Amino acid sequence: LFSRSSSSGSGGSFRNNYYARPGLRRCTQVQDTLKLEVCVICFFCSLLYCCIAIMINQLNSRLSKNVLRTSKVVENYLAYHEHRKVFDPFLTPLGSVSDPFQSQPNPWISDTVDFWQHDKITGDISTRRLKLWEESFEELLADILGRETLQKFLDKEYSGENLRFWWEVQKLRKCSCRMVPVLVTEIYNEFIDSNATSPVNVDCKVMEITEENLKNPNRWSFDEAADHIFCLMKNDSYQRFLRSDIYKDLLIQSKKKVTN
């Protein structure tokens, strides 16, 4: 097990060489194995601790959420369905007795396309279309004629820049990559800059976030400002638009066309 040999250095020092018997391991090898096993155990313990911490956070976050009963959710869905089915051509056939708007026949299940051409031919907006604007602000903005009518109303109230700014931001989100820097500069100079031609009304916090985003311009640089303007229009301008003479006159004209 043990042998001693002379070293090559001066002074006649000796060096001891230890040889393990076949089938045995040195003490250092045992220690290394134990250290590795301890490290593996510590790693899995820390991983388990992280998983438990994440589960605890998820469970705590659920405590703050409002939980609805399934029966209440179903009731809300049924109420929404009953309220919206008059706008669905498959649930309420257009032009039928159950159609409160007496629209043109459904182009999806008939041979006529008068439904698509009605507004272009007559130059009027159908009652069904106007009533759909009352359902939500999103429905109004999704309609081209709805946006144009709302823009006329806002221009009369000297707040037309809000809708123009919001619409330019929507176009910025969908434009090509090479046009992003150009549109960002145009939107900033027209609506955000201190010397802007049509400045929009945003608070200081939103302005600071927008200025920070513009340090690295991208298609989402104006998202906070656009969301702020959207909420202002939805909570204020939209409600006044539905009570305005512009909308009421359109509704009266469309009903007269139906009765005639």
C-alpha atoms as a PDB file:
ATOM      1  CA  LEU A   1       0.000   0.000   0.000  1.00  0.00           C
ATOM      2  CA  PHE A   2       2.843   2.350   0.679  1.00  0.00           C
ATOM      3  CA  SER A   3       6.090   3.067  -1.122  1.00  0.00           C
ATOM      4  CA  ARG A   4       8.721   5.768  -0.728  1.00  0.00           C
ATOM      5  CA  SER A   5      10.883   7.158  -3.499  1.00  0.00           C
ATOM      6  CA  SER A   6      13.546   9.799  -3.663  1.00  0.00           C
ATOM      7  CA  SER A   7      12.549  13.166  -5.151  1.00  0.00           C
ATOM      8  CA  SER A   8      14.537  14.814  -7.864  1.00  0.00           C
ATOM      9  CA  GLY A   9      14.994  17.988  -5.841  1.00  0.00           C
ATOM     10  CA  SER A  10      17.992  18.856  -3.666  1.00  0.00           C
ATOM     11  CA  GLY A  11      18.067  18.179   0.062  1.00  0.00           C
ATOM     12  CA  GLY A  12      17.224  14.528  -0.196  1.00  0.00           C
ATOM     13  CA  SER A  13      13.524  15.042   0.581  1.00  0.00           C
ATOM     14  CA  PHE A  14      11.212  12.145   0.134  1.00  0.00           C
ATOM     15  CA  ARG A  15       7.776  11.917  -1.421  1.00  0.00           C
ATOM     16  CA  ASN A  16       5.176   9.387  -0.284  1.00  0.00           C
ATOM     17  CA  ASN A  17       2.957   7.794  -2.887  1.00  0.00           C
ATOM     18  CA  TYR A  18      -0.177   6.050  -1.825  1.00  0.00           C
ATOM     19  CA  TYR A  19      -1.827   3.438  -3.957  1.00  0.00           C
ATOM     20  CA  ALA A  20      -5.371   2.249  -3.298  1.00  0.00           C
ATOM     21  CA  ARG A  21      -6.130  -1.404  -3.412  1.00  0.00           C
ATOM     22  CA  PRO A  22      -8.200  -2.631  -6.331  1.00  0.00           C
ATOM     23  CA  GLY A  23     -11.914  -2.039  -5.674  1.00  0.00           C
ATOM     24  CA  LEU A  24     -11.272   0.726  -3.095  1.00  0.00           C
ATOM     25  CA  ARG A  25     -11.623   4.525  -3.519  1.00  0.00           C
ATOM     26  CA  ARG A  26      -9.428   7.228  -2.102  1.00  0.00           C
ATOM     27  CA  CYS A  27     -10.771   9.453   0.703  1.00  0.00           C
ATOM     28  CA  THR A  28     -10.703  12.490  -1.578  1.00  0.00           C
ATOM     29  CA  GLN A  29     -12.930  10.714  -4.082  1.00  0.00           C
ATOM     30  CA  VAL A  30     -15.446   9.912  -1.348  1.00  0.00           C
ATOM     31  CA  GLN A  31     -15.439  13.524  -0.209  1.00  0.00           C
ATOM     32  CA  ASP A  32     -16.006  14.793  -3.765  1.00  0.00           C
ATOM     33  CA  THR A  33     -18.924  12.406  -4.202  1.00  0.00           C
ATOM     34  CA  LEU A  34     -20.486  13.573  -0.941  1.00  0.00           C
ATOM     35  CA  LYS A  35     -20.054  17.217  -1.948  1.00  0.00           C
ATOM     36  CA  LEU A  36     -21.737  16.548  -5.288  1.00  0.00           C
ATOM     37  CA  GLU A  37     -24.639  14.786  -3.619  1.00  0.00           C
ATOM     38  CA  VAL A  38     -25.054  17.669  -1.160  1.00  0.00           C
ATOM     39  CA  CYS A  39     -25.038  20.190  -4.027  1.00  0.00           C
ATOM     40  CA  VAL A  40     -27.701  18.225  -5.915  1.00  0.00           C
ATOM     41  CA  ILE A  41     -29.873  17.981  -2.810  1.00  0.00           C
ATOM     42  CA  CYS A  42     -29.498  21.741  -2.169  1.00  0.00           C
ATOM     43  CA  PHE A  43     -30.402  22.509  -5.769  1.00  0.00           C
ATOM     44  CA  PHE A  44     -33.600  20.462  -5.658  1.00  0.00           C
ATOM     45  CA  CYS A  45     -34.515  21.896  -2.266  1.00  0.00           C
ATOM     46  CA  SER A  46     -34.126  25.460  -3.579  1.00  0.00           C
ATOM     47  CA  LEU A  47     -36.147  24.542  -6.686  1.00  0.00           C
ATOM     48  CA  LEU A  48     -38.903  23.075  -4.524  1.00  0.00           C
ATOM     49  CA  TYR A  49     -38.866  26.193  -2.341  1.00  0.00           C
ATOM     50  CA  CYS A  50     -39.300  28.429  -5.407  1.00  0.00           C
ATOM     51  CA  CYS A  51     -42.195  26.313  -6.707  1.00  0.00           C
ATOM     52  CA  ILE A  52     -43.948  26.460  -3.345  1.00  0.00           C
ATOM     53  CA  ALA A  53     -43.417  30.244  -3.169  1.00  0.00           C
ATOM     54  CA  ILE A  54     -44.936  30.677  -6.634  1.00  0.00           C
ATOM     55  CA  MET A  55     -47.943  28.546  -5.689  1.00  0.00           C
ATOM     56  CA  ILE A  56     -48.451  30.586  -2.518  1.00  0.00           C
ATOM     57  CA  ASN A  57     -48.350  33.846  -4.499  1.00  0.00           C
ATOM     58  CA  GLN A  58     -50.846  32.499  -7.013  1.00  0.00           C
ATOM     59  CA  LEU A  59     -53.217  31.386  -4.274  1.00  0.00           C
ATOM     60  CA  ASN A  60     -52.906  34.758  -2.525  1.00  0.00           C
ATOM     61  CA  SER A  61     -53.661  36.583  -5.769  1.00  0.00           C
ATOM     62  CA  ARG A  62     -56.830  34.539  -6.211  1.00  0.00           C
ATOM     63  CA  LEU A  63     -58.101  35.712  -2.836  1.00  0.00           C
ATOM     64  CA  SER A  64     -58.338  39.291  -4.141  1.00  0.00           C
ATOM     65  CA  LYS A  65     -60.274  38.309  -7.272  1.00  0.00           C
ATOM     66  CA  ASN A  66     -64.032  38.431  -7.497  1.00  0.00           C
ATOM     67  CA  VAL A  67     -65.442  34.965  -8.023  1.00  0.00           C
ATOM     68  CA  LEU A  68     -68.817  34.588  -9.733  1.00  0.00           C
ATOM     69  CA  ARG A  69     -71.074  31.622  -9.524  1.00  0.00           C
ATOM     70  CA  THR A  70     -71.601  29.621 -12.674  1.00  0.00           C
ATOM     71  CA  SER A  71     -75.324  30.318 -12.562  1.00  0.00           C
ATOM     72  CA  LYS A  72     -74.660  34.071 -12.477  1.00  0.00           C
ATOM     73  CA  VAL A  73     -72.235  33.827 -15.419  1.00  0.00           C
ATOM     74  CA  VAL A  74     -74.769  31.841 -17.459  1.00  0.00           C
ATOM     75  CA  GLU A  75     -77.446  34.374 -16.615  1.00  0.00           C
ATOM     76  CA  ASN A  76     -75.241  37.225 -17.838  1.00  0.00           C
ATOM     77  CA  TYR A  77     -74.473  35.369 -21.076  1.00  0.00           C
ATOM     78  CA  LEU A  78     -78.163  34.719 -21.722  1.00  0.00           C
ATOM     79  CA  ALA A  79     -79.029  38.364 -21.068  1.00  0.00           C
ATOM     80  CA  TYR A  80     -76.267  39.480 -23.431  1.00  0.00           C
ATOM     81  CA  HIS A  81     -77.512  37.033 -26.072  1.00  0.00           C
ATOM     82  CA  GLU A  82     -81.099  38.263 -25.820  1.00  0.00           C
ATOM     83  CA  HIS A  83     -79.963  41.862 -26.044  1.00  0.00           C
ATOM     84  CA  ARG A  84     -77.643  41.384 -29.007  1.00  0.00           C
ATOM     85  CA  LYS A  85     -79.521  38.833 -31.099  1.00  0.00           C
ATOM     86  CA  VAL A  86     -81.430  41.540 -32.985  1.00  0.00           C
ATOM     87  CA  PHE A  87     -78.101  42.577 -34.516  1.00  0.00           C
ATOM     88  CA  ASP A  88     -77.203  39.030 -35.609  1.00  0.00           C
ATOM     89  CA  PRO A  89     -78.616  38.230 -39.079  1.00  0.00           C
ATOM     90  CA  PHE A  90     -78.583  34.482 -38.376  1.00  0.00           C
ATOM     91  CA  LEU A  91     -80.557  34.752 -35.131  1.00  0.00           C
ATOM     92  CA  THR A  92     -82.929  37.478 -36.350  1.00  0.00           C
ATOM     93  CA  PRO A  93     -83.521  37.196 -40.111  1.00  0.00           C
ATOM     94  CA  LEU A  94     -83.242  40.600 -41.753  1.00  0.00           C
ATOM     95  CA  GLY A  95     -86.493  41.911 -43.148  1.00  0.00           C
ATOM     96  CA  SER A  96     -88.586  39.401 -41.205  1.00  0.00           C
ATOM     97  CA  VAL A  97     -91.400  40.197 -38.775  1.00  0.00           C
ATOM     98  CA  SER A  98     -89.033  39.739 -35.823  1.00  0.00           C
ATOM     99  CA  ASP A  99     -86.571  42.272 -37.249  1.00  0.00           C
ATOM    100  CA  PRO A 100     -87.224  45.578 -35.420  1.00  0.00           C
ATOM    101  CA  PHE A 101     -85.253  47.529 -38.017  1.00  0.00           C
ATOM    102  CA  GLN A 102     -86.878  46.031 -41.119  1.00  0.00           C
ATOM    103  CA  SER A 103     -83.515  45.799 -42.866  1.00  0.00           C
ATOM    104  CA  GLN A 104     -82.800  44.478 -46.324  1.00  0.00           C
ATOM    105  CA  PRO A 105     -82.711  40.665 -46.773  1.00  0.00           C
ATOM    106  CA  ASN A 106     -79.714  38.857 -45.368  1.00  0.00           C
ATOM    107  CA  PRO A 107     -77.062  38.732 -48.150  1.00  0.00           C
ATOM    108  CA  TRP A 108     -75.535  35.571 -46.646  1.00  0.00           C
ATOM    109  CA  ILE A 109     -78.623  33.445 -47.219  1.00  0.00           C
ATOM    110  CA  SER A 110     -80.336  35.240 -50.129  1.00  0.00           C
ATOM    111  CA  ASP A 111     -79.509  36.103 -53.725  1.00  0.00           C
ATOM    112  CA  THR A 112     -79.682  39.871 -53.227  1.00  0.00           C
ATOM    113  CA  VAL A 113     -76.890  42.162 -52.021  1.00  0.00           C
ATOM    114  CA  ASP A 114     -79.101  45.177 -51.309  1.00  0.00           C
ATOM    115  CA  PHE A 115     -78.064  44.998 -47.656  1.00  0.00           C
ATOM    116  CA  TRP A 116     -74.477  45.979 -48.549  1.00  0.00           C
ATOM    117  CA  GLN A 117     -75.491  48.666 -51.032  1.00  0.00           C
ATOM    118  CA  HIS A 118     -78.341  50.238 -49.039  1.00  0.00           C
ATOM    119  CA  ASP A 119     -76.347  53.000 -47.345  1.00  0.00           C
ATOM    120  CA  LYS A 120     -74.378  53.802 -50.518  1.00  0.00           C
ATOM    121  CA  ILE A 121     -77.485  54.000 -52.737  1.00  0.00           C
ATOM    122  CA  THR A 122     -79.754  55.939 -50.382  1.00  0.00           C
ATOM    123  CA  GLY A 123     -77.049  58.041 -48.774  1.00  0.00           C
ATOM    124  CA  ASP A 124     -78.661  57.406 -45.378  1.00  0.00           C
ATOM    125  CA  ILE A 125     -77.529  55.389 -42.398  1.00  0.00           C
ATOM    126  CA  SER A 126     -79.827  52.511 -41.480  1.00  0.00           C
ATOM    127  CA  THR A 127     -81.552  52.347 -38.104  1.00  0.00           C
ATOM    128  CA  ARG A 128     -79.850  49.048 -37.369  1.00  0.00           C
ATOM    129  CA  ARG A 129     -76.463  50.651 -37.889  1.00  0.00           C
ATOM    130  CA  LEU A 130     -77.306  53.649 -35.701  1.00  0.00           C
ATOM    131  CA  LYS A 131     -78.645  51.472 -32.899  1.00  0.00           C
ATOM    132  CA  LEU A 132     -75.466  49.431 -33.009  1.00  0.00           C
ATOM    133  CA  TRP A 133     -73.528  52.597 -32.205  1.00  0.00           C
ATOM    134  CA  GLU A 134     -75.424  52.817 -28.937  1.00  0.00           C
ATOM    135  CA  GLU A 135     -74.237  49.383 -27.849  1.00  0.00           C
ATOM    136  CA  SER A 136     -70.672  50.431 -27.106  1.00  0.00           C
ATOM    137  CA  PHE A 137     -68.037  53.001 -27.917  1.00  0.00           C
ATOM    138  CA  GLU A 138     -66.002  50.272 -29.605  1.00  0.00           C
ATOM    139  CA  GLU A 139     -68.844  49.550 -32.031  1.00  0.00           C
ATOM    140  CA  LEU A 140     -69.005  53.231 -32.938  1.00  0.00           C
ATOM    141  CA  LEU A 141     -65.272  53.448 -33.633  1.00  0.00           C
ATOM    142  CA  ALA A 142     -65.289  50.192 -35.632  1.00  0.00           C
ATOM    143  CA  ASP A 143     -67.742  51.727 -38.118  1.00  0.00           C
ATOM    144  CA  ILE A 144     -66.241  54.111 -40.685  1.00  0.00           C
ATOM    145  CA  LEU A 145     -69.397  56.245 -40.799  1.00  0.00           C
ATOM    146  CA  GLY A 146     -69.499  56.139 -37.011  1.00  0.00           C
ATOM    147  CA  ARG A 147     -65.994  57.593 -36.740  1.00  0.00           C
ATOM    148  CA  GLU A 148     -66.791  60.257 -39.324  1.00  0.00           C
ATOM    149  CA  THR A 149     -69.982  61.266 -37.525  1.00  0.00           C
ATOM    150  CA  LEU A 150     -68.204  61.343 -34.166  1.00  0.00           C
ATOM    151  CA  GLN A 151     -65.411  63.429 -35.701  1.00  0.00           C
ATOM    152  CA  LYS A 152     -67.952  66.038 -36.886  1.00  0.00           C
ATOM    153  CA  PHE A 153     -69.446  66.170 -33.407  1.00  0.00           C
ATOM    154  CA  LEU A 154     -66.053  66.549 -31.719  1.00  0.00           C
ATOM    155  CA  ASP A 155     -64.982  69.255 -34.154  1.00  0.00           C
ATOM    156  CA  LYS A 156     -68.026  71.267 -33.151  1.00  0.00           C
ATOM    157  CA  GLU A 157     -66.985  70.891 -29.518  1.00  0.00           C
ATOM    158  CA  TYR A 158     -63.369  71.867 -30.297  1.00  0.00           C
ATOM    159  CA  SER A 159     -62.011  68.483 -29.222  1.00  0.00           C
ATOM    160  CA  GLY A 160     -61.600  66.790 -32.601  1.00  0.00           C
ATOM    161  CA  GLU A 161     -57.871  66.365 -32.025  1.00  0.00           C
ATOM    162  CA  ASN A 162     -58.595  63.591 -29.509  1.00  0.00           C
ATOM    163  CA  LEU A 163     -60.126  61.257 -32.083  1.00  0.00           C
ATOM    164  CA  ARG A 164     -57.548  62.159 -34.725  1.00  0.00           C
ATOM    165  CA  PHE A 165     -54.709  61.421 -32.295  1.00  0.00           C
ATOM    166  CA  TRP A 166     -56.236  58.080 -31.262  1.00  0.00           C
ATOM    167  CA  TRP A 167     -56.764  57.059 -34.880  1.00  0.00           C
ATOM    168  CA  GLU A 168     -53.189  58.001 -35.869  1.00  0.00           C
ATOM    169  CA  VAL A 169     -51.872  55.826 -33.048  1.00  0.00           C
ATOM    170  CA  GLN A 170     -53.963  52.911 -34.351  1.00  0.00           C
ATOM    171  CA  LYS A 171     -52.427  53.365 -37.797  1.00  0.00           C
ATOM    172  CA  LEU A 172     -48.967  53.552 -36.224  1.00  0.00           C
ATOM    173  CA  ARG A 173     -49.479  50.137 -34.614  1.00  0.00           C
ATOM    174  CA  LYS A 174     -50.237  48.539 -37.982  1.00  0.00           C
ATOM    175  CA  CYS A 175     -47.830  50.363 -40.289  1.00  0.00           C
ATOM    176  CA  SER A 176     -44.655  48.918 -41.818  1.00  0.00           C
ATOM    177  CA  CYS A 177     -41.398  49.038 -39.871  1.00  0.00           C
ATOM    178  CA  ARG A 178     -39.791  51.619 -42.151  1.00  0.00           C
ATOM    179  CA  MET A 179     -42.709  54.016 -41.594  1.00  0.00           C
ATOM    180  CA  VAL A 180     -42.616  53.823 -37.779  1.00  0.00           C
ATOM    181  CA  PRO A 181     -39.990  56.590 -37.213  1.00  0.00           C
ATOM    182  CA  VAL A 182     -41.778  58.871 -39.680  1.00  0.00           C
ATOM    183  CA  LEU A 183     -45.210  58.464 -38.098  1.00  0.00           C
ATOM    184  CA  VAL A 184     -43.814  58.766 -34.565  1.00  0.00           C
ATOM    185  CA  THR A 185     -42.270  62.121 -35.463  1.00  0.00           C
ATOM    186  CA  GLU A 186     -45.441  63.339 -37.167  1.00  0.00           C
ATOM    187  CA  ILE A 187     -47.672  62.340 -34.245  1.00  0.00           C
ATOM    188  CA  TYR A 188     -45.322  63.933 -31.736  1.00  0.00           C
ATOM    189  CA  ASN A 189     -45.085  67.218 -33.635  1.00  0.00           C
ATOM    190  CA  GLU A 190     -48.839  67.436 -34.173  1.00  0.00           C
ATOM    191  CA  PHE A 191     -50.253  66.257 -30.836  1.00  0.00           C
ATOM    192  CA  ILE A 192     -47.625  65.898 -28.061  1.00  0.00           C
ATOM    193  CA  ASP A 193     -44.957  68.565 -28.512  1.00  0.00           C
ATOM    194  CA  SER A 194     -45.209  71.784 -26.495  1.00  0.00           C
ATOM    195  CA  ASN A 195     -45.534  73.643 -29.813  1.00  0.00           C
ATOM    196  CA  ALA A 196     -47.917  71.076 -31.341  1.00  0.00           C
ATOM    197  CA  THR A 197     -50.500  72.281 -33.829  1.00  0.00           C
ATOM    198  CA  SER A 198     -53.291  70.195 -32.214  1.00  0.00           C
ATOM    199  CA  PRO A 199     -52.188  69.356 -28.660  1.00  0.00           C
ATOM    200  CA  VAL A 200     -54.131  66.679 -26.803  1.00  0.00           C
ATOM    201  CA  ASN A 201     -55.010  66.925 -23.123  1.00  0.00           C
ATOM    202  CA  VAL A 202     -53.008  64.332 -21.154  1.00  0.00           C
ATOM    203  CA  ASP A 203     -51.929  64.515 -17.525  1.00  0.00           C
ATOM    204  CA  CYS A 204     -48.350  64.928 -16.327  1.00  0.00           C
ATOM    205  CA  LYS A 205     -47.843  61.253 -15.463  1.00  0.00           C
ATOM    206  CA  VAL A 206     -48.910  60.073 -18.922  1.00  0.00           C
ATOM    207  CA  MET A 207     -46.755  62.765 -20.516  1.00  0.00           C
ATOM    208  CA  GLU A 208     -43.687  61.603 -18.559  1.00  0.00           C
ATOM    209  CA  ILE A 209     -44.235  57.997 -19.627  1.00  0.00           C
ATOM    210  CA  THR A 210     -44.663  59.065 -23.252  1.00  0.00           C
ATOM    211  CA  GLU A 211     -41.518  61.190 -23.172  1.00  0.00           C
ATOM    212  CA  GLU A 212     -39.607  58.222 -21.708  1.00  0.00           C
ATOM    213  CA  ASN A 213     -40.949  55.907 -24.436  1.00  0.00           C
ATOM    214  CA  LEU A 214     -39.859  58.334 -27.143  1.00  0.00           C
ATOM    215  CA  LYS A 215     -36.218  57.830 -26.163  1.00  0.00           C
ATOM    216  CA  ASN A 216     -36.535  54.556 -28.030  1.00  0.00           C
ATOM    217  CA  PRO A 217     -39.278  55.254 -30.605  1.00  0.00           C
ATOM    218  CA  ASN A 218     -41.414  52.315 -31.674  1.00  0.00           C
ATOM    219  CA  ARG A 219     -44.987  51.573 -32.688  1.00  0.00           C
ATOM    220  CA  TRP A 220     -46.081  51.434 -29.024  1.00  0.00           C
ATOM    221  CA  SER A 221     -44.560  54.732 -27.885  1.00  0.00           C
ATOM    222  CA  PHE A 222     -47.938  56.497 -27.589  1.00  0.00           C
ATOM    223  CA  ASP A 223     -49.972  53.626 -26.115  1.00  0.00           C
ATOM    224  CA  GLU A 224     -50.373  55.197 -22.655  1.00  0.00           C
ATOM    225  CA  ALA A 225     -51.452  58.531 -24.130  1.00  0.00           C
ATOM    226  CA  ALA A 226     -53.832  56.839 -26.585  1.00  0.00           C
ATOM    227  CA  ASP A 227     -55.440  54.769 -23.805  1.00  0.00           C
ATOM    228  CA  HIS A 228     -55.849  57.916 -21.719  1.00  0.00           C
ATOM    229  CA  ILE A 229     -57.546  59.772 -24.583  1.00  0.00           C
ATOM    230  CA  PHE A 230     -59.720  56.728 -25.336  1.00  0.00           C
ATOM    231  CA  CYS A 231     -61.030  56.698 -21.755  1.00  0.00           C
ATOM    232  CA  LEU A 232     -61.754  60.418 -21.903  1.00  0.00           C
ATOM    233  CA  MET A 233     -63.777  60.052 -25.091  1.00  0.00           C
ATOM    234  CA  LYS A 234     -65.593  56.933 -23.869  1.00  0.00           C
ATOM    235  CA  ASN A 235     -66.601  58.389 -20.498  1.00  0.00           C
ATOM    236  CA  ASP A 236     -67.394  61.914 -21.645  1.00  0.00           C
ATOM    237  CA  SER A 237     -67.593  62.598 -25.382  1.00  0.00           C
ATOM    238  CA  TYR A 238     -69.394  59.359 -26.270  1.00  0.00           C
ATOM    239  CA  GLN A 239     -72.215  59.989 -23.795  1.00  0.00           C
ATOM    240  CA  ARG A 240     -72.714  63.541 -25.071  1.00  0.00           C
ATOM    241  CA  PHE A 241     -72.620  62.301 -28.659  1.00  0.00           C
ATOM    242  CA  LEU A 242     -75.557  59.949 -28.032  1.00  0.00           C
ATOM    243  CA  ARG A 243     -77.534  62.910 -26.629  1.00  0.00           C
ATOM    244  CA  SER A 244     -76.484  65.305 -29.396  1.00  0.00           C
ATOM    245  CA  ASP A 245     -78.714  66.672 -32.131  1.00  0.00           C
ATOM    246  CA  ILE A 246     -76.432  65.146 -34.778  1.00  0.00           C
ATOM    247  CA  TYR A 247     -77.152  61.602 -33.634  1.00  0.00           C
ATOM    248  CA  LYS A 248     -80.839  62.225 -32.897  1.00  0.00           C
ATOM    249  CA  ASP A 249     -81.406  63.730 -36.361  1.00  0.00           C
ATOM    250  CA  LEU A 250     -79.806  60.699 -38.026  1.00  0.00           C
ATOM    251  CA  LEU A 251     -82.006  58.386 -35.967  1.00  0.00           C
ATOM    252  CA  ILE A 252     -85.184  60.286 -36.845  1.00  0.00           C
ATOM    253  CA  GLN A 253     -84.330  60.295 -40.562  1.00  0.00           C
ATOM    254  CA  SER A 254     -83.637  56.564 -40.587  1.00  0.00           C
ATOM    255  CA  LYS A 255     -86.953  55.797 -38.863  1.00  0.00           C
ATOM    256  CA  LYS A 256     -88.830  57.917 -41.366  1.00  0.00           C
ATOM    257  CA  LYS A 257     -87.261  55.936 -44.198  1.00  0.00           C
ATOM    258  CA  VAL A 258     -88.406  52.688 -42.589  1.00  0.00           C
ATOM    259  CA  THR A 259     -92.006  53.855 -42.157  1.00  0.00           C
ATOM    260  CA  ASN A 260     -92.142  55.138 -45.730  1.00  0.00           C
END
